[in-house]
Amino acid sequence: MKNRVIAVAILTMVGLALAVSGAALSLPAVSAQAAPPSPTATYDPLTAREWALIAKDPDDHIGEHYVVYGVVTQFDAATGPDAFRADVDGVRHAEAYEYPTNTVLTGDEAALDQIVMGDAFRAKVEVTGTLTYETQIGGSTTVPQLQVDAIKVIDPAGS
């Protein structure tokens, strides 16, 4: 499992480097099979401040389960069927631009099948740590990475 997570993280870093430079996220055609969520897992609701603390140091929260809200910023053929980028928060917002945290979410392909760019969602997630990647302009970016255990579209794209 750990090797699979590392492989997905490396592949995601390559794609995210392109995304920061204005190019689309592009992942090689490698599918990561998510471990099934624990049947006893409870998903804690968050405040915006609590999410900000998690986003500040996701590695301190690995394995924790939360409910998050967000808007999909990229989910296309380039990201593959089981990973996407979204702006995320611990609370629901009225406007897409209000979600503060660029985040990478991964999950089961079947569970993510009906999710598209622009969808606002509510997700039950497990924190899997940070993802750090170098940008094409010479800097680096670190983002939270979350494993989606369940997801529901609450405002479809284009509605």
N, C-alpha and C. Protein backbone atom coordinates (compact mmCIF):
# COMPACT_ATOMS: atom_id res chain seq x y z
N MET A 1 0.83 -1.19 0.00
CA MET A 1 0.00 0.00 0.00
C MET A 1 0.87 1.26 0.00
N LYS A 2 1.92 1.27 0.85
CA LYS A 2 2.78 2.44 0.95
C LYS A 2 3.46 2.72 -0.38
N ASN A 3 3.94 1.66 -1.07
CA ASN A 3 4.59 1.86 -2.37
C ASN A 3 3.62 2.43 -3.38
N ARG A 4 2.37 1.98 -3.35
CA ARG A 4 1.35 2.48 -4.28
C ARG A 4 1.09 3.95 -4.02
N VAL A 5 1.02 4.34 -2.74
CA VAL A 5 0.79 5.75 -2.39
C VAL A 5 1.96 6.60 -2.86
N ILE A 6 3.18 6.09 -2.68
CA ILE A 6 4.36 6.83 -3.12
C ILE A 6 4.35 6.97 -4.64
N ALA A 7 3.99 5.89 -5.36
CA ALA A 7 3.96 5.96 -6.82
C ALA A 7 2.93 6.97 -7.30
N VAL A 8 1.75 6.97 -6.67
CA VAL A 8 0.72 7.93 -7.05
C VAL A 8 1.20 9.34 -6.75
N ALA A 9 1.86 9.54 -5.61
CA ALA A 9 2.36 10.86 -5.25
C ALA A 9 3.38 11.36 -6.26
N ILE A 10 4.27 10.49 -6.69
CA ILE A 10 5.28 10.88 -7.67
C ILE A 10 4.62 11.24 -9.00
N LEU A 11 3.68 10.42 -9.44
CA LEU A 11 2.99 10.70 -10.69
C LEU A 11 2.19 11.98 -10.59
N THR A 12 1.58 12.21 -9.45
CA THR A 12 0.79 13.42 -9.26
C THR A 12 1.69 14.65 -9.24
N MET A 13 2.88 14.53 -8.64
CA MET A 13 3.80 15.67 -8.61
C MET A 13 4.17 16.12 -10.01
N VAL A 14 4.43 15.18 -10.89
CA VAL A 14 4.78 15.52 -12.27
C VAL A 14 3.64 16.29 -12.93
N GLY A 15 2.45 15.79 -12.77
CA GLY A 15 1.30 16.45 -13.38
C GLY A 15 1.01 17.80 -12.78
N LEU A 16 1.14 17.92 -11.46
CA LEU A 16 0.86 19.19 -10.82
C LEU A 16 1.88 20.26 -11.20
N ALA A 17 3.10 19.87 -11.48
CA ALA A 17 4.09 20.84 -11.94
C ALA A 17 3.63 21.50 -13.23
N LEU A 18 3.02 20.71 -14.10
CA LEU A 18 2.48 21.27 -15.33
C LEU A 18 1.28 22.16 -15.04
N ALA A 19 0.46 21.77 -14.08
CA ALA A 19 -0.75 22.53 -13.77
C ALA A 19 -0.42 23.92 -13.25
N VAL A 20 0.59 24.03 -12.39
CA VAL A 20 0.96 25.33 -11.83
C VAL A 20 1.47 26.26 -12.90
N SER A 21 2.08 25.71 -13.94
CA SER A 21 2.62 26.54 -15.00
C SER A 21 1.55 26.98 -15.99
N GLY A 22 0.30 26.58 -15.74
CA GLY A 22 -0.77 26.94 -16.65
C GLY A 22 -1.18 25.79 -17.54
N ALA A 23 -0.39 24.73 -17.59
CA ALA A 23 -0.74 23.55 -18.37
C ALA A 23 -1.63 22.66 -17.54
N ALA A 24 -2.36 21.79 -18.18
CA ALA A 24 -3.24 20.88 -17.47
C ALA A 24 -2.45 19.82 -16.74
N LEU A 25 -3.01 19.35 -15.65
CA LEU A 25 -2.43 18.24 -14.91
C LEU A 25 -2.46 17.02 -15.80
N SER A 26 -1.36 16.34 -15.90
CA SER A 26 -1.28 15.17 -16.76
C SER A 26 -0.62 14.03 -16.02
N LEU A 27 -1.36 12.97 -15.77
CA LEU A 27 -0.82 11.81 -15.10
C LEU A 27 -0.72 10.66 -16.07
N PRO A 28 0.34 9.86 -16.00
CA PRO A 28 0.39 8.66 -16.82
C PRO A 28 -0.78 7.74 -16.48
N ALA A 29 -1.11 6.88 -17.38
CA ALA A 29 -2.27 5.99 -17.19
C ALA A 29 -1.95 4.91 -16.18
N VAL A 30 -1.90 5.28 -14.91
CA VAL A 30 -1.68 4.34 -13.82
C VAL A 30 -2.82 4.53 -12.85
N SER A 31 -3.52 3.47 -12.55
CA SER A 31 -4.66 3.54 -11.66
C SER A 31 -4.27 3.09 -10.27
N ALA A 32 -4.60 3.89 -9.28
CA ALA A 32 -4.34 3.52 -7.89
C ALA A 32 -5.63 2.99 -7.28
N GLN A 33 -5.61 1.78 -6.82
CA GLN A 33 -6.78 1.21 -6.17
C GLN A 33 -6.80 1.66 -4.72
N ALA A 34 -7.85 2.33 -4.34
CA ALA A 34 -7.97 2.83 -2.99
C ALA A 34 -8.34 1.69 -2.05
N ALA A 35 -7.79 1.77 -0.85
CA ALA A 35 -8.19 0.82 0.17
C ALA A 35 -9.62 1.16 0.59
N PRO A 36 -10.44 0.16 0.85
CA PRO A 36 -11.81 0.47 1.26
C PRO A 36 -11.81 1.19 2.59
N PRO A 37 -12.76 2.12 2.77
CA PRO A 37 -12.81 2.83 4.05
C PRO A 37 -13.14 1.87 5.18
N SER A 38 -12.64 2.18 6.33
CA SER A 38 -12.94 1.37 7.50
C SER A 38 -14.43 1.46 7.80
N PRO A 39 -15.07 0.32 8.06
CA PRO A 39 -16.51 0.37 8.35
C PRO A 39 -16.82 1.10 9.65
N THR A 40 -15.83 1.29 10.49
CA THR A 40 -16.05 1.97 11.75
C THR A 40 -15.57 3.41 11.74
N ALA A 41 -15.06 3.88 10.60
CA ALA A 41 -14.55 5.25 10.52
C ALA A 41 -15.68 6.24 10.73
N THR A 42 -15.39 7.26 11.50
CA THR A 42 -16.33 8.38 11.64
C THR A 42 -15.66 9.59 11.01
N TYR A 43 -16.46 10.39 10.35
CA TYR A 43 -15.97 11.54 9.61
C TYR A 43 -16.40 12.81 10.33
N ASP A 44 -15.43 13.49 10.91
CA ASP A 44 -15.72 14.66 11.73
C ASP A 44 -15.98 15.88 10.87
N PRO A 45 -17.00 16.67 11.23
CA PRO A 45 -17.20 17.96 10.55
C PRO A 45 -16.10 18.92 11.00
N LEU A 46 -15.84 19.92 10.18
CA LEU A 46 -14.78 20.87 10.46
C LEU A 46 -15.28 22.30 10.40
N THR A 47 -14.60 23.18 11.09
CA THR A 47 -14.77 24.61 10.88
C THR A 47 -13.72 25.03 9.86
N ALA A 48 -13.83 26.24 9.36
CA ALA A 48 -12.83 26.75 8.42
C ALA A 48 -11.46 26.81 9.10
N ARG A 49 -11.42 27.19 10.35
CA ARG A 49 -10.15 27.26 11.08
C ARG A 49 -9.54 25.88 11.26
N GLU A 50 -10.36 24.89 11.62
CA GLU A 50 -9.84 23.53 11.79
C GLU A 50 -9.26 23.01 10.47
N TRP A 51 -9.97 23.29 9.35
CA TRP A 51 -9.43 22.87 8.06
C TRP A 51 -8.10 23.58 7.78
N ALA A 52 -8.01 24.86 8.09
CA ALA A 52 -6.78 25.61 7.85
C ALA A 52 -5.61 25.00 8.61
N LEU A 53 -5.86 24.52 9.82
CA LEU A 53 -4.80 23.87 10.60
C LEU A 53 -4.39 22.54 9.97
N ILE A 54 -5.35 21.79 9.45
CA ILE A 54 -5.04 20.52 8.77
C ILE A 54 -4.26 20.80 7.49
N ALA A 55 -4.73 21.78 6.71
CA ALA A 55 -4.07 22.12 5.45
C ALA A 55 -2.65 22.65 5.68
N LYS A 56 -2.43 23.26 6.81
CA LYS A 56 -1.11 23.80 7.15
C LYS A 56 -0.09 22.68 7.37
N ASP A 57 -0.53 21.55 7.93
CA ASP A 57 0.37 20.43 8.19
C ASP A 57 -0.38 19.10 8.05
N PRO A 58 -0.73 18.71 6.82
CA PRO A 58 -1.49 17.47 6.62
C PRO A 58 -0.77 16.22 7.14
N ASP A 59 0.55 16.24 7.15
CA ASP A 59 1.28 15.06 7.63
C ASP A 59 1.01 14.79 9.11
N ASP A 60 0.63 15.81 9.86
CA ASP A 60 0.28 15.65 11.27
C ASP A 60 -1.10 15.01 11.43
N HIS A 61 -1.83 14.88 10.34
CA HIS A 61 -3.22 14.39 10.41
C HIS A 61 -3.46 13.15 9.57
N ILE A 62 -2.38 12.49 9.14
CA ILE A 62 -2.53 11.29 8.32
C ILE A 62 -3.40 10.26 9.04
N GLY A 63 -4.35 9.72 8.29
CA GLY A 63 -5.24 8.70 8.83
C GLY A 63 -6.50 9.24 9.47
N GLU A 64 -6.59 10.56 9.63
CA GLU A 64 -7.79 11.15 10.22
C GLU A 64 -8.87 11.29 9.15
N HIS A 65 -10.12 11.22 9.60
CA HIS A 65 -11.27 11.24 8.69
C HIS A 65 -12.12 12.48 8.93
N TYR A 66 -12.46 13.18 7.83
CA TYR A 66 -13.22 14.42 7.93
C TYR A 66 -14.24 14.54 6.80
N VAL A 67 -15.16 15.46 6.99
CA VAL A 67 -16.07 15.89 5.93
C VAL A 67 -15.52 17.21 5.42
N VAL A 68 -15.30 17.30 4.11
CA VAL A 68 -14.82 18.53 3.49
C VAL A 68 -15.75 18.93 2.35
N TYR A 69 -15.65 20.19 1.97
CA TYR A 69 -16.42 20.73 0.85
C TYR A 69 -15.43 21.32 -0.14
N GLY A 70 -15.81 21.36 -1.40
CA GLY A 70 -14.91 21.94 -2.38
C GLY A 70 -15.53 22.08 -3.75
N VAL A 71 -14.71 22.59 -4.66
CA VAL A 71 -15.08 22.74 -6.06
C VAL A 71 -13.96 22.14 -6.90
N VAL A 72 -14.33 21.27 -7.83
CA VAL A 72 -13.35 20.60 -8.68
C VAL A 72 -12.76 21.62 -9.65
N THR A 73 -11.43 21.73 -9.64
CA THR A 73 -10.75 22.67 -10.54
C THR A 73 -10.15 21.96 -11.75
N GLN A 74 -9.90 20.66 -11.63
CA GLN A 74 -9.44 19.89 -12.79
C GLN A 74 -9.73 18.42 -12.57
N PHE A 75 -10.47 17.85 -13.52
CA PHE A 75 -10.74 16.41 -13.53
C PHE A 75 -11.05 16.05 -14.97
N ASP A 76 -10.04 15.57 -15.65
CA ASP A 76 -10.17 15.32 -17.08
C ASP A 76 -9.32 14.13 -17.49
N ALA A 77 -9.20 13.91 -18.78
CA ALA A 77 -8.42 12.78 -19.27
C ALA A 77 -6.96 12.88 -18.81
N ALA A 78 -6.47 14.08 -18.61
CA ALA A 78 -5.08 14.25 -18.19
C ALA A 78 -4.86 13.82 -16.74
N THR A 79 -5.84 13.99 -15.87
CA THR A 79 -5.68 13.60 -14.47
C THR A 79 -5.93 12.12 -14.27
N GLY A 80 -6.64 11.51 -15.20
CA GLY A 80 -6.99 10.11 -15.04
C GLY A 80 -8.32 9.98 -14.31
N PRO A 81 -8.82 8.77 -14.22
CA PRO A 81 -10.15 8.56 -13.67
C PRO A 81 -10.23 8.50 -12.15
N ASP A 82 -9.08 8.55 -11.46
CA ASP A 82 -9.12 8.36 -10.01
C ASP A 82 -8.36 9.42 -9.21
N ALA A 83 -8.12 10.59 -9.81
CA ALA A 83 -7.47 11.70 -9.11
C ALA A 83 -7.94 13.01 -9.71
N PHE A 84 -8.11 14.01 -8.86
CA PHE A 84 -8.49 15.33 -9.35
C PHE A 84 -7.98 16.40 -8.41
N ARG A 85 -7.95 17.63 -8.92
CA ARG A 85 -7.60 18.78 -8.11
C ARG A 85 -8.87 19.53 -7.76
N ALA A 86 -8.90 20.09 -6.56
CA ALA A 86 -10.05 20.87 -6.13
C ALA A 86 -9.58 21.92 -5.13
N ASP A 87 -10.35 22.99 -5.03
CA ASP A 87 -10.18 23.94 -3.95
C ASP A 87 -11.12 23.49 -2.84
N VAL A 88 -10.59 23.38 -1.61
CA VAL A 88 -11.29 22.71 -0.52
C VAL A 88 -11.33 23.58 0.73
N ASP A 89 -12.35 23.33 1.56
CA ASP A 89 -12.45 23.94 2.89
C ASP A 89 -13.22 22.99 3.79
N GLY A 90 -13.26 23.30 5.06
CA GLY A 90 -14.01 22.50 6.01
C GLY A 90 -15.48 22.88 6.07
N VAL A 91 -15.84 23.98 5.44
CA VAL A 91 -17.23 24.45 5.43
C VAL A 91 -17.67 24.72 4.00
N ARG A 92 -18.96 24.70 3.80
CA ARG A 92 -19.52 24.96 2.47
C ARG A 92 -19.58 26.47 2.24
N HIS A 93 -19.26 26.88 1.02
CA HIS A 93 -19.30 28.29 0.64
C HIS A 93 -20.30 28.50 -0.49
N ALA A 94 -20.77 29.72 -0.62
CA ALA A 94 -21.74 30.05 -1.67
C ALA A 94 -21.06 30.22 -3.03
N GLU A 95 -19.80 30.66 -3.03
CA GLU A 95 -19.09 30.94 -4.27
C GLU A 95 -17.83 30.07 -4.38
N ALA A 96 -17.54 29.62 -5.58
CA ALA A 96 -16.39 28.73 -5.81
C ALA A 96 -15.08 29.38 -5.39
N TYR A 97 -14.95 30.69 -5.61
CA TYR A 97 -13.69 31.36 -5.30
C TYR A 97 -13.41 31.46 -3.81
N GLU A 98 -14.38 31.13 -2.97
CA GLU A 98 -14.20 31.22 -1.52
C GLU A 98 -13.46 30.02 -0.92
N TYR A 99 -13.31 28.94 -1.68
CA TYR A 99 -12.59 27.77 -1.16
C TYR A 99 -11.09 28.05 -1.22
N PRO A 100 -10.39 27.98 -0.08
CA PRO A 100 -9.02 28.50 -0.02
C PRO A 100 -7.87 27.56 -0.39
N THR A 101 -8.09 26.25 -0.38
CA THR A 101 -6.94 25.35 -0.40
C THR A 101 -6.89 24.46 -1.63
N ASN A 102 -5.88 24.66 -2.48
CA ASN A 102 -5.62 23.76 -3.59
C ASN A 102 -5.28 22.39 -2.99
N THR A 103 -5.99 21.36 -3.41
CA THR A 103 -5.87 20.04 -2.80
C THR A 103 -5.94 18.97 -3.88
N VAL A 104 -5.22 17.88 -3.70
CA VAL A 104 -5.32 16.73 -4.59
C VAL A 104 -6.14 15.66 -3.88
N LEU A 105 -7.17 15.16 -4.57
CA LEU A 105 -8.01 14.11 -4.03
C LEU A 105 -7.91 12.88 -4.92
N THR A 106 -7.81 11.73 -4.32
CA THR A 106 -7.76 10.48 -5.06
C THR A 106 -8.88 9.58 -4.55
N GLY A 107 -9.31 8.65 -5.39
CA GLY A 107 -10.37 7.75 -4.95
C GLY A 107 -10.64 6.66 -5.95
N ASP A 108 -11.61 5.86 -5.63
CA ASP A 108 -12.02 4.77 -6.49
C ASP A 108 -12.65 5.33 -7.77
N GLU A 109 -12.22 4.80 -8.89
CA GLU A 109 -12.69 5.28 -10.19
C GLU A 109 -14.21 5.26 -10.29
N ALA A 110 -14.84 4.20 -9.83
CA ALA A 110 -16.31 4.09 -9.92
C ALA A 110 -16.99 5.16 -9.07
N ALA A 111 -16.44 5.45 -7.91
CA ALA A 111 -17.04 6.46 -7.02
C ALA A 111 -16.90 7.87 -7.60
N LEU A 112 -15.88 8.09 -8.42
CA LEU A 112 -15.63 9.41 -8.98
C LEU A 112 -16.16 9.57 -10.40
N ASP A 113 -16.79 8.55 -10.92
CA ASP A 113 -17.21 8.49 -12.31
C ASP A 113 -18.07 9.68 -12.76
N GLN A 114 -18.95 10.17 -11.92
CA GLN A 114 -19.86 11.24 -12.30
C GLN A 114 -19.42 12.63 -11.85
N ILE A 115 -18.19 12.76 -11.37
CA ILE A 115 -17.65 14.04 -10.92
C ILE A 115 -16.95 14.72 -12.10
N VAL A 116 -17.23 16.01 -12.30
CA VAL A 116 -16.59 16.76 -13.40
C VAL A 116 -16.09 18.11 -12.89
N MET A 117 -15.23 18.73 -13.70
CA MET A 117 -14.70 20.04 -13.36
C MET A 117 -15.86 21.03 -13.15
N GLY A 118 -15.76 21.80 -12.08
CA GLY A 118 -16.77 22.79 -11.77
C GLY A 118 -17.81 22.32 -10.75
N ASP A 119 -17.89 21.00 -10.51
CA ASP A 119 -18.83 20.49 -9.51
C ASP A 119 -18.43 20.96 -8.12
N ALA A 120 -19.42 21.40 -7.35
CA ALA A 120 -19.23 21.62 -5.92
C ALA A 120 -19.60 20.31 -5.24
N PHE A 121 -18.85 19.92 -4.23
CA PHE A 121 -19.06 18.61 -3.62
C PHE A 121 -18.91 18.64 -2.10
N ARG A 122 -19.42 17.59 -1.50
CA ARG A 122 -19.22 17.27 -0.09
C ARG A 122 -18.59 15.89 -0.10
N ALA A 123 -17.48 15.72 0.60
CA ALA A 123 -16.79 14.43 0.58
C ALA A 123 -16.39 13.99 1.98
N LYS A 124 -16.47 12.69 2.17
CA LYS A 124 -15.90 12.06 3.36
C LYS A 124 -14.52 11.59 2.93
N VAL A 125 -13.50 12.07 3.65
CA VAL A 125 -12.13 11.83 3.21
C VAL A 125 -11.25 11.34 4.36
N GLU A 126 -10.14 10.75 3.95
CA GLU A 126 -9.06 10.42 4.88
C GLU A 126 -7.85 11.22 4.45
N VAL A 127 -7.20 11.87 5.40
CA VAL A 127 -6.00 12.64 5.11
C VAL A 127 -4.85 11.66 4.85
N THR A 128 -4.19 11.80 3.70
CA THR A 128 -3.07 10.92 3.37
C THR A 128 -1.73 11.65 3.41
N GLY A 129 -1.74 12.93 3.75
CA GLY A 129 -0.49 13.66 3.91
C GLY A 129 -0.35 14.82 2.96
N THR A 130 0.89 15.19 2.70
CA THR A 130 1.18 16.29 1.79
C THR A 130 1.72 15.78 0.48
N LEU A 131 1.59 16.60 -0.50
CA LEU A 131 2.16 16.34 -1.81
C LEU A 131 2.95 17.59 -2.19
N THR A 132 4.25 17.47 -2.33
CA THR A 132 5.12 18.59 -2.69
C THR A 132 5.64 18.37 -4.10
N TYR A 133 5.59 19.41 -4.89
CA TYR A 133 6.08 19.30 -6.26
C TYR A 133 6.73 20.61 -6.67
N GLU A 134 7.63 20.53 -7.63
CA GLU A 134 8.31 21.72 -8.14
C GLU A 134 7.51 22.28 -9.31
N THR A 135 7.42 23.59 -9.34
CA THR A 135 6.73 24.26 -10.43
C THR A 135 7.70 24.50 -11.58
N GLN A 136 7.16 24.75 -12.74
CA GLN A 136 8.03 25.01 -13.89
C GLN A 136 8.70 26.37 -13.82
N ILE A 137 8.25 27.23 -12.92
CA ILE A 137 8.90 28.54 -12.79
C ILE A 137 9.97 28.53 -11.71
N GLY A 138 10.29 27.32 -11.20
CA GLY A 138 11.42 27.20 -10.29
C GLY A 138 11.08 27.12 -8.82
N GLY A 139 9.84 27.28 -8.44
CA GLY A 139 9.46 27.19 -7.05
C GLY A 139 8.93 25.80 -6.72
N SER A 140 8.38 25.67 -5.55
CA SER A 140 7.72 24.42 -5.19
C SER A 140 6.42 24.73 -4.47
N THR A 141 5.53 23.79 -4.53
CA THR A 141 4.22 23.92 -3.89
C THR A 141 3.91 22.66 -3.12
N THR A 142 3.37 22.82 -1.94
CA THR A 142 2.93 21.68 -1.13
C THR A 142 1.44 21.80 -0.92
N VAL A 143 0.72 20.72 -1.21
CA VAL A 143 -0.73 20.71 -1.07
C VAL A 143 -1.16 19.52 -0.23
N PRO A 144 -2.30 19.63 0.43
CA PRO A 144 -2.84 18.46 1.13
C PRO A 144 -3.28 17.41 0.11
N GLN A 145 -3.18 16.16 0.50
CA GLN A 145 -3.68 15.07 -0.34
C GLN A 145 -4.68 14.28 0.49
N LEU A 146 -5.85 14.04 -0.11
CA LEU A 146 -6.95 13.37 0.57
C LEU A 146 -7.41 12.16 -0.22
N GLN A 147 -7.78 11.12 0.48
CA GLN A 147 -8.38 9.93 -0.12
C GLN A 147 -9.89 10.05 0.04
N VAL A 148 -10.63 10.03 -1.07
CA VAL A 148 -12.08 10.14 -1.02
C VAL A 148 -12.68 8.77 -0.69
N ASP A 149 -13.44 8.72 0.41
CA ASP A 149 -14.15 7.50 0.77
C ASP A 149 -15.60 7.56 0.29
N ALA A 150 -16.16 8.76 0.22
CA ALA A 150 -17.52 8.97 -0.31
C ALA A 150 -17.60 10.42 -0.78
N ILE A 151 -18.36 10.63 -1.86
CA ILE A 151 -18.47 11.99 -2.40
C ILE A 151 -19.87 12.19 -2.96
N LYS A 152 -20.38 13.42 -2.78
CA LYS A 152 -21.71 13.76 -3.31
C LYS A 152 -21.62 15.15 -3.95
N VAL A 153 -22.11 15.26 -5.17
CA VAL A 153 -22.19 16.55 -5.83
C VAL A 153 -23.33 17.33 -5.20
N ILE A 154 -23.03 18.55 -4.71
CA ILE A 154 -24.06 19.37 -4.09
C ILE A 154 -24.48 20.55 -4.96
N ASP A 155 -23.68 20.85 -5.97
CA ASP A 155 -24.02 21.87 -6.96
C ASP A 155 -23.30 21.52 -8.25
N PRO A 156 -24.02 20.90 -9.18
CA PRO A 156 -23.38 20.45 -10.42
C PRO A 156 -22.82 21.62 -11.24
N ALA A 157 -21.76 21.35 -11.97
CA ALA A 157 -21.17 22.34 -12.87
C ALA A 157 -22.23 22.80 -13.86
N GLY A 158 -22.24 24.10 -14.14
CA GLY A 158 -23.15 24.64 -15.12
C GLY A 158 -24.57 24.86 -14.63
N SER A 159 -24.80 24.64 -13.34
CA SER A 159 -26.18 24.83 -12.85
C SER A 159 -26.39 26.21 -12.29
